[in-house]
Amino acid sequence: MFKVCIVGHGNFPSGVCSALKLLSGSNEQLHYFDLDHNLTHGEYEQQLTAFLTENDNVLIFADMTGGAPHQIATRLLLELGKKNQFILSSVSLNLILDLYMKNSMGILTTDNVSVELSNSMAESKEMLMVMPDVSEEKVEDVSVTEEEGI
C-alpha cells in the first residue's frame, strides 16, 4: 500500500484531502503539505524530507508542474532515490480520487504501479471537457480541386 501525499500552494492540499474524505469516506494513508505564507521553502522541505525518509511507498500529487512544492518534492525524490516514490503534477481531483481508491482497495501495488499510473493519467485526460463542446465545430471546407487550377 502507498502513502498518498498532496503538495501544493495555499490550502490546495488540505482542500483536496477534505474532498477525498467526503467522496471516499476515508482519509487513511492520506497526508498533505500546504505551502503558505507561514512556511519558508526550507521549512517546507524539512517537512517533506521527514515524510519521504520515513515512508518507502509514496504517491505525491502536486498542484502545479514547476511550482515550488513540485520542485521541492521532485528534487527530494531524486536525491532519496527510493524505487516506489512517484510524483504526479498538475493533477485533478478525478485523478487523485481514482488512484486513492485503487490504493485503498489493494488494486494499486508495487508490481503494477507504473501501469496503473499511466492508465489513470490517460483516463483523467479523457475526462477533460469544455462546454459547449468545441472539439467538433464544423470547419468550412476550403480545399481546392484540380478543376480549380491545381
N, C-alpha and C. Protein backbone atom coordinates (compact mmCIF):
# COMPACT_ATOMS: atom_id res chain seq x y z
N MET A 1 0.84 -1.18 0.00
CA MET A 1 0.00 0.00 0.00
C MET A 1 0.89 1.24 0.00
N PHE A 2 0.42 2.25 -0.70
CA PHE A 2 1.15 3.51 -0.81
C PHE A 2 0.58 4.55 0.14
N LYS A 3 1.44 5.41 0.63
CA LYS A 3 1.00 6.61 1.32
C LYS A 3 0.69 7.61 0.20
N VAL A 4 -0.39 8.33 0.35
CA VAL A 4 -0.77 9.35 -0.63
C VAL A 4 -0.49 10.71 -0.02
N CYS A 5 0.24 11.52 -0.75
CA CYS A 5 0.68 12.82 -0.26
C CYS A 5 0.29 13.90 -1.26
N ILE A 6 -0.40 14.92 -0.78
CA ILE A 6 -0.79 16.04 -1.63
C ILE A 6 0.09 17.23 -1.26
N VAL A 7 0.73 17.83 -2.26
CA VAL A 7 1.54 19.03 -2.03
C VAL A 7 1.03 20.14 -2.94
N GLY A 8 1.14 21.37 -2.44
CA GLY A 8 0.69 22.47 -3.27
C GLY A 8 0.67 23.79 -2.55
N HIS A 9 0.15 24.77 -3.25
CA HIS A 9 0.11 26.14 -2.78
C HIS A 9 -1.15 26.40 -1.96
N GLY A 10 -0.99 27.23 -0.92
CA GLY A 10 -2.14 27.62 -0.11
C GLY A 10 -2.82 26.42 0.51
N ASN A 11 -4.14 26.41 0.45
CA ASN A 11 -4.91 25.32 1.05
C ASN A 11 -5.31 24.27 0.02
N PHE A 12 -4.68 24.27 -1.14
CA PHE A 12 -5.00 23.25 -2.13
C PHE A 12 -4.84 21.85 -1.55
N PRO A 13 -3.70 21.51 -0.94
CA PRO A 13 -3.54 20.16 -0.41
C PRO A 13 -4.58 19.78 0.65
N SER A 14 -4.79 20.63 1.63
CA SER A 14 -5.76 20.31 2.68
C SER A 14 -7.17 20.29 2.12
N GLY A 15 -7.46 21.13 1.12
CA GLY A 15 -8.78 21.12 0.48
C GLY A 15 -9.03 19.84 -0.29
N VAL A 16 -8.02 19.37 -1.00
CA VAL A 16 -8.15 18.10 -1.73
C VAL A 16 -8.38 16.96 -0.75
N CYS A 17 -7.65 16.96 0.35
CA CYS A 17 -7.83 15.91 1.36
C CYS A 17 -9.24 15.94 1.94
N SER A 18 -9.77 17.12 2.16
CA SER A 18 -11.13 17.27 2.64
C SER A 18 -12.12 16.68 1.62
N ALA A 19 -11.92 16.98 0.35
CA ALA A 19 -12.79 16.46 -0.70
C ALA A 19 -12.66 14.94 -0.81
N LEU A 20 -11.45 14.41 -0.71
CA LEU A 20 -11.26 12.96 -0.77
C LEU A 20 -11.98 12.26 0.37
N LYS A 21 -11.91 12.84 1.55
CA LYS A 21 -12.60 12.24 2.69
C LYS A 21 -14.10 12.26 2.47
N LEU A 22 -14.62 13.35 1.93
CA LEU A 22 -16.05 13.45 1.65
C LEU A 22 -16.47 12.42 0.61
N LEU A 23 -15.69 12.27 -0.45
CA LEU A 23 -16.06 11.37 -1.54
C LEU A 23 -15.79 9.90 -1.25
N SER A 24 -14.75 9.61 -0.49
CA SER A 24 -14.37 8.21 -0.25
C SER A 24 -14.77 7.71 1.13
N GLY A 25 -15.04 8.63 2.04
CA GLY A 25 -15.39 8.24 3.41
C GLY A 25 -14.19 7.90 4.27
N SER A 26 -13.00 8.12 3.73
CA SER A 26 -11.80 7.73 4.46
C SER A 26 -10.68 8.75 4.24
N ASN A 27 -9.74 8.74 5.16
CA ASN A 27 -8.52 9.53 4.94
C ASN A 27 -7.30 8.72 5.36
N GLU A 28 -7.43 7.39 5.30
CA GLU A 28 -6.30 6.52 5.63
C GLU A 28 -5.19 6.69 4.60
N GLN A 29 -3.98 6.61 5.04
CA GLN A 29 -2.80 6.72 4.18
C GLN A 29 -2.72 8.05 3.44
N LEU A 30 -3.45 9.07 3.92
CA LEU A 30 -3.54 10.35 3.23
C LEU A 30 -2.83 11.44 4.04
N HIS A 31 -1.93 12.15 3.38
CA HIS A 31 -1.15 13.20 4.03
C HIS A 31 -1.10 14.41 3.11
N TYR A 32 -0.97 15.58 3.70
CA TYR A 32 -0.88 16.79 2.88
C TYR A 32 0.11 17.77 3.49
N PHE A 33 0.64 18.60 2.59
CA PHE A 33 1.59 19.63 2.99
C PHE A 33 1.22 20.92 2.26
N ASP A 34 0.57 21.83 2.99
CA ASP A 34 0.21 23.14 2.45
C ASP A 34 1.44 24.04 2.49
N LEU A 35 1.77 24.66 1.36
CA LEU A 35 2.82 25.69 1.35
C LEU A 35 2.11 27.04 1.35
N ASP A 36 2.18 27.71 2.49
CA ASP A 36 1.52 29.01 2.59
C ASP A 36 2.50 30.05 3.14
N HIS A 37 2.00 31.23 3.41
CA HIS A 37 2.86 32.33 3.85
C HIS A 37 3.48 32.10 5.23
N ASN A 38 3.02 31.09 5.96
CA ASN A 38 3.57 30.80 7.29
C ASN A 38 4.83 29.94 7.24
N LEU A 39 5.13 29.36 6.07
CA LEU A 39 6.29 28.46 5.94
C LEU A 39 7.29 29.02 4.94
N THR A 40 8.56 28.88 5.26
CA THR A 40 9.59 29.16 4.26
C THR A 40 9.75 27.91 3.41
N HIS A 41 10.37 28.05 2.27
CA HIS A 41 10.63 26.87 1.44
C HIS A 41 11.51 25.87 2.18
N GLY A 42 12.44 26.37 2.98
CA GLY A 42 13.31 25.49 3.76
C GLY A 42 12.54 24.67 4.78
N GLU A 43 11.59 25.29 5.45
CA GLU A 43 10.76 24.57 6.43
C GLU A 43 9.88 23.53 5.73
N TYR A 44 9.34 23.92 4.59
CA TYR A 44 8.50 23.01 3.80
C TYR A 44 9.32 21.79 3.37
N GLU A 45 10.53 22.05 2.92
CA GLU A 45 11.42 20.97 2.50
C GLU A 45 11.74 20.03 3.67
N GLN A 46 11.96 20.58 4.86
CA GLN A 46 12.23 19.75 6.03
C GLN A 46 11.06 18.82 6.33
N GLN A 47 9.84 19.34 6.24
CA GLN A 47 8.65 18.51 6.49
C GLN A 47 8.55 17.38 5.47
N LEU A 48 8.72 17.72 4.20
CA LEU A 48 8.65 16.70 3.15
C LEU A 48 9.78 15.69 3.27
N THR A 49 10.97 16.15 3.60
CA THR A 49 12.11 15.25 3.76
C THR A 49 11.83 14.22 4.85
N ALA A 50 11.31 14.66 5.97
CA ALA A 50 10.99 13.74 7.06
C ALA A 50 9.96 12.71 6.61
N PHE A 51 8.92 13.16 5.92
CA PHE A 51 7.87 12.26 5.45
C PHE A 51 8.42 11.24 4.46
N LEU A 52 9.18 11.70 3.48
CA LEU A 52 9.69 10.80 2.44
C LEU A 52 10.76 9.85 2.97
N THR A 53 11.52 10.28 3.95
CA THR A 53 12.53 9.42 4.56
C THR A 53 11.88 8.28 5.33
N GLU A 54 10.77 8.57 6.00
CA GLU A 54 10.08 7.58 6.83
C GLU A 54 9.22 6.60 6.03
N ASN A 55 8.89 6.92 4.79
CA ASN A 55 7.95 6.10 4.01
C ASN A 55 8.56 5.68 2.69
N ASP A 56 8.47 4.39 2.39
CA ASP A 56 9.07 3.87 1.17
C ASP A 56 8.15 3.96 -0.05
N ASN A 57 6.88 3.67 0.13
CA ASN A 57 5.93 3.65 -0.99
C ASN A 57 5.04 4.88 -0.90
N VAL A 58 5.27 5.84 -1.81
CA VAL A 58 4.57 7.12 -1.73
C VAL A 58 4.14 7.58 -3.12
N LEU A 59 2.90 8.04 -3.21
CA LEU A 59 2.41 8.76 -4.38
C LEU A 59 2.24 10.21 -3.97
N ILE A 60 2.94 11.10 -4.65
CA ILE A 60 2.81 12.53 -4.37
C ILE A 60 2.03 13.16 -5.52
N PHE A 61 1.03 13.94 -5.17
CA PHE A 61 0.26 14.69 -6.15
C PHE A 61 0.53 16.17 -5.93
N ALA A 62 1.00 16.86 -6.96
CA ALA A 62 1.33 18.29 -6.86
C ALA A 62 0.35 19.10 -7.69
N ASP A 63 -0.01 20.27 -7.16
CA ASP A 63 -0.99 21.11 -7.84
C ASP A 63 -0.50 21.66 -9.17
N MET A 64 0.75 22.09 -9.24
CA MET A 64 1.28 22.74 -10.45
C MET A 64 2.64 22.19 -10.83
N THR A 65 2.78 21.81 -12.07
CA THR A 65 4.10 21.44 -12.57
C THR A 65 4.99 22.69 -12.55
N GLY A 66 6.14 22.56 -11.93
CA GLY A 66 7.09 23.66 -11.88
C GLY A 66 6.92 24.61 -10.71
N GLY A 67 5.83 24.47 -9.96
CA GLY A 67 5.66 25.30 -8.77
C GLY A 67 6.62 24.86 -7.68
N ALA A 68 6.80 25.69 -6.67
CA ALA A 68 7.75 25.39 -5.60
C ALA A 68 7.49 24.04 -4.93
N PRO A 69 6.24 23.69 -4.55
CA PRO A 69 6.03 22.38 -3.93
C PRO A 69 6.45 21.24 -4.85
N HIS A 70 6.15 21.36 -6.13
CA HIS A 70 6.53 20.34 -7.11
C HIS A 70 8.05 20.26 -7.23
N GLN A 71 8.71 21.40 -7.33
CA GLN A 71 10.17 21.41 -7.45
C GLN A 71 10.84 20.79 -6.24
N ILE A 72 10.37 21.16 -5.06
CA ILE A 72 10.97 20.64 -3.82
C ILE A 72 10.77 19.13 -3.73
N ALA A 73 9.54 18.68 -3.97
CA ALA A 73 9.24 17.24 -3.88
C ALA A 73 10.03 16.45 -4.93
N THR A 74 10.10 16.96 -6.14
CA THR A 74 10.84 16.27 -7.20
C THR A 74 12.32 16.14 -6.85
N ARG A 75 12.90 17.23 -6.40
CA ARG A 75 14.32 17.19 -6.01
C ARG A 75 14.56 16.17 -4.91
N LEU A 76 13.67 16.14 -3.91
CA LEU A 76 13.82 15.19 -2.81
C LEU A 76 13.70 13.75 -3.30
N LEU A 77 12.74 13.49 -4.20
CA LEU A 77 12.60 12.13 -4.74
C LEU A 77 13.87 11.70 -5.46
N LEU A 78 14.43 12.60 -6.24
CA LEU A 78 15.66 12.27 -6.96
C LEU A 78 16.83 12.06 -6.01
N GLU A 79 16.92 12.88 -4.98
CA GLU A 79 18.01 12.73 -4.01
C GLU A 79 17.88 11.44 -3.21
N LEU A 80 16.67 11.11 -2.78
CA LEU A 80 16.47 9.91 -1.97
C LEU A 80 16.57 8.65 -2.81
N GLY A 81 16.13 8.70 -4.04
CA GLY A 81 16.27 7.58 -4.96
C GLY A 81 15.51 6.32 -4.57
N LYS A 82 14.40 6.47 -3.86
CA LYS A 82 13.63 5.28 -3.49
C LYS A 82 12.82 4.80 -4.68
N LYS A 83 12.76 3.49 -4.84
CA LYS A 83 12.16 2.86 -6.02
C LYS A 83 10.67 3.15 -6.17
N ASN A 84 9.94 3.19 -5.09
CA ASN A 84 8.48 3.30 -5.16
C ASN A 84 7.94 4.62 -4.61
N GLN A 85 8.60 5.69 -4.98
CA GLN A 85 8.11 7.03 -4.68
C GLN A 85 7.94 7.76 -6.01
N PHE A 86 6.73 8.25 -6.25
CA PHE A 86 6.38 8.87 -7.53
C PHE A 86 5.72 10.22 -7.30
N ILE A 87 5.87 11.12 -8.27
CA ILE A 87 5.18 12.40 -8.20
C ILE A 87 4.41 12.62 -9.50
N LEU A 88 3.17 13.04 -9.36
CA LEU A 88 2.32 13.41 -10.48
C LEU A 88 1.97 14.88 -10.29
N SER A 89 2.02 15.66 -11.36
CA SER A 89 1.79 17.09 -11.19
C SER A 89 0.69 17.60 -12.11
N SER A 90 0.20 18.79 -11.78
CA SER A 90 -0.95 19.40 -12.46
C SER A 90 -2.14 18.44 -12.44
N VAL A 91 -2.44 17.96 -11.27
CA VAL A 91 -3.43 16.89 -11.11
C VAL A 91 -4.83 17.44 -10.88
N SER A 92 -5.81 16.59 -11.21
CA SER A 92 -7.21 16.90 -10.95
C SER A 92 -7.71 16.03 -9.80
N LEU A 93 -8.82 16.43 -9.23
CA LEU A 93 -9.43 15.63 -8.17
C LEU A 93 -9.83 14.26 -8.70
N ASN A 94 -10.28 14.18 -9.96
CA ASN A 94 -10.63 12.88 -10.56
C ASN A 94 -9.45 11.92 -10.51
N LEU A 95 -8.29 12.39 -10.93
CA LEU A 95 -7.10 11.54 -10.96
C LEU A 95 -6.70 11.10 -9.56
N ILE A 96 -6.68 12.04 -8.64
CA ILE A 96 -6.28 11.72 -7.27
C ILE A 96 -7.25 10.72 -6.66
N LEU A 97 -8.56 10.95 -6.83
CA LEU A 97 -9.57 10.04 -6.27
C LEU A 97 -9.43 8.64 -6.87
N ASP A 98 -9.24 8.56 -8.17
CA ASP A 98 -9.10 7.27 -8.84
C ASP A 98 -7.94 6.47 -8.25
N LEU A 99 -6.78 7.09 -8.15
CA LEU A 99 -5.62 6.37 -7.62
C LEU A 99 -5.72 6.13 -6.12
N TYR A 100 -6.33 7.05 -5.40
CA TYR A 100 -6.53 6.86 -3.96
C TYR A 100 -7.42 5.64 -3.71
N MET A 101 -8.50 5.52 -4.49
CA MET A 101 -9.41 4.38 -4.31
C MET A 101 -8.73 3.07 -4.74
N LYS A 102 -8.00 3.09 -5.84
CA LYS A 102 -7.27 1.88 -6.26
C LYS A 102 -6.28 1.46 -5.18
N ASN A 103 -5.64 2.42 -4.56
CA ASN A 103 -4.71 2.13 -3.48
C ASN A 103 -5.45 1.55 -2.27
N SER A 104 -6.55 2.16 -1.90
CA SER A 104 -7.33 1.72 -0.73
C SER A 104 -7.89 0.32 -0.91
N MET A 105 -8.25 -0.02 -2.15
CA MET A 105 -8.85 -1.34 -2.43
C MET A 105 -7.80 -2.40 -2.73
N GLY A 106 -6.53 -2.03 -2.70
CA GLY A 106 -5.47 -3.00 -2.95
C GLY A 106 -5.22 -3.28 -4.42
N ILE A 107 -5.84 -2.51 -5.30
CA ILE A 107 -5.63 -2.69 -6.74
C ILE A 107 -4.25 -2.17 -7.15
N LEU A 108 -3.84 -1.08 -6.54
CA LEU A 108 -2.54 -0.47 -6.83
C LEU A 108 -1.48 -1.15 -5.97
N THR A 109 -0.50 -1.75 -6.62
CA THR A 109 0.57 -2.44 -5.90
C THR A 109 1.93 -1.98 -6.43
N THR A 110 2.97 -2.35 -5.72
CA THR A 110 4.31 -2.00 -6.19
C THR A 110 4.63 -2.72 -7.50
N ASP A 111 3.97 -3.83 -7.77
CA ASP A 111 4.21 -4.57 -9.01
C ASP A 111 3.57 -3.91 -10.23
N ASN A 112 2.42 -3.23 -10.03
CA ASN A 112 1.70 -2.68 -11.18
C ASN A 112 1.61 -1.16 -11.18
N VAL A 113 2.33 -0.50 -10.30
CA VAL A 113 2.17 0.94 -10.12
C VAL A 113 2.42 1.73 -11.40
N SER A 114 3.42 1.38 -12.17
CA SER A 114 3.71 2.13 -13.40
C SER A 114 2.56 2.05 -14.39
N VAL A 115 2.02 0.86 -14.56
CA VAL A 115 0.89 0.67 -15.48
C VAL A 115 -0.34 1.40 -14.98
N GLU A 116 -0.64 1.27 -13.69
CA GLU A 116 -1.82 1.93 -13.13
C GLU A 116 -1.71 3.45 -13.20
N LEU A 117 -0.53 3.99 -12.94
CA LEU A 117 -0.34 5.44 -13.05
C LEU A 117 -0.59 5.90 -14.48
N SER A 118 -0.02 5.19 -15.44
CA SER A 118 -0.21 5.56 -16.85
C SER A 118 -1.67 5.47 -17.26
N ASN A 119 -2.33 4.38 -16.87
CA ASN A 119 -3.75 4.20 -17.22
C ASN A 119 -4.61 5.29 -16.60
N SER A 120 -4.39 5.57 -15.33
CA SER A 120 -5.20 6.58 -14.65
C SER A 120 -4.97 7.97 -15.23
N MET A 121 -3.74 8.27 -15.60
CA MET A 121 -3.47 9.58 -16.21
C MET A 121 -4.16 9.69 -17.57
N ALA A 122 -4.14 8.63 -18.35
CA ALA A 122 -4.82 8.65 -19.66
C ALA A 122 -6.33 8.82 -19.47
N GLU A 123 -6.90 8.09 -18.51
CA GLU A 123 -8.34 8.21 -18.24
C GLU A 123 -8.68 9.62 -17.77
N SER A 124 -7.82 10.21 -16.96
CA SER A 124 -8.05 11.56 -16.46
C SER A 124 -8.06 12.58 -17.61
N LYS A 125 -7.15 12.41 -18.56
CA LYS A 125 -7.12 13.31 -19.72
C LYS A 125 -8.41 13.20 -20.52
N GLU A 126 -8.95 11.99 -20.63
CA GLU A 126 -10.19 11.77 -21.37
C GLU A 126 -11.37 12.46 -20.71
N MET A 127 -11.29 12.71 -19.42
CA MET A 127 -12.39 13.31 -18.68
C MET A 127 -12.42 14.84 -18.81
N LEU A 128 -11.36 15.44 -19.33
CA LEU A 128 -11.34 16.89 -19.52
C LEU A 128 -12.38 17.27 -20.57
N MET A 129 -13.09 18.36 -20.31
CA MET A 129 -14.11 18.76 -21.28
C MET A 129 -14.34 20.26 -21.23
N VAL A 130 -14.89 20.76 -22.31
CA VAL A 130 -15.31 22.15 -22.43
C VAL A 130 -16.77 22.12 -22.85
N MET A 131 -17.57 22.97 -22.24
CA MET A 131 -18.97 23.07 -22.63
C MET A 131 -19.24 24.47 -23.11
N PRO A 132 -19.91 24.71 -24.20
CA PRO A 132 -20.32 23.67 -25.14
C PRO A 132 -19.11 23.05 -25.81
N ASP A 133 -19.31 21.86 -26.34
CA ASP A 133 -18.22 21.09 -26.94
C ASP A 133 -17.75 21.78 -28.22
N VAL A 134 -16.55 22.30 -28.19
CA VAL A 134 -15.99 22.99 -29.35
C VAL A 134 -15.07 22.09 -30.16
N SER A 135 -14.89 20.86 -29.73
CA SER A 135 -13.94 19.98 -30.40
C SER A 135 -14.44 19.52 -31.76
N GLU A 136 -15.74 19.57 -31.98
CA GLU A 136 -16.28 19.09 -33.25
C GLU A 136 -16.98 20.20 -34.02
N GLU A 137 -16.54 21.43 -33.82
CA GLU A 137 -17.12 22.53 -34.58
C GLU A 137 -16.88 22.28 -36.06
N LYS A 138 -17.89 22.61 -36.85
CA LYS A 138 -17.76 22.40 -38.29
C LYS A 138 -16.83 23.46 -38.86
N VAL A 139 -15.89 23.00 -39.65
CA VAL A 139 -14.96 23.88 -40.33
C VAL A 139 -15.33 23.87 -41.80
N GLU A 140 -15.50 25.06 -42.38
CA GLU A 140 -15.86 25.16 -43.79
C GLU A 140 -14.77 24.53 -44.64
N ASP A 141 -15.19 23.69 -45.58
CA ASP A 141 -14.24 23.04 -46.47
C ASP A 141 -13.70 24.06 -47.47
N VAL A 142 -12.43 24.34 -47.41
CA VAL A 142 -11.81 25.32 -48.30
C VAL A 142 -10.77 24.66 -49.21
N SER A 143 -10.90 23.37 -49.41
CA SER A 143 -9.93 22.69 -50.25
C SER A 143 -10.14 23.10 -51.72
N VAL A 144 -9.09 23.03 -52.48
CA VAL A 144 -9.12 23.40 -53.89
C VAL A 144 -9.05 22.12 -54.72
N THR A 145 -9.92 22.01 -55.70
CA THR A 145 -9.92 20.81 -56.55
C THR A 145 -9.04 21.04 -57.77
N GLU A 146 -8.80 19.96 -58.52
CA GLU A 146 -7.99 20.05 -59.74
C GLU A 146 -8.65 20.96 -60.76
N GLU A 147 -9.97 20.93 -60.78
CA GLU A 147 -10.69 21.75 -61.75
C GLU A 147 -10.46 23.24 -61.50
N GLU A 148 -10.11 23.59 -60.28
CA GLU A 148 -9.91 24.99 -59.94
C GLU A 148 -8.48 25.45 -60.21
N GLY A 149 -7.67 24.59 -60.77
CA GLY A 149 -6.35 25.04 -61.19
C GLY A 149 -5.17 24.48 -60.46
N ILE A 150 -5.31 23.40 -59.77
CA ILE A 150 -4.14 22.83 -59.10
C ILE A 150 -3.57 21.73 -59.95
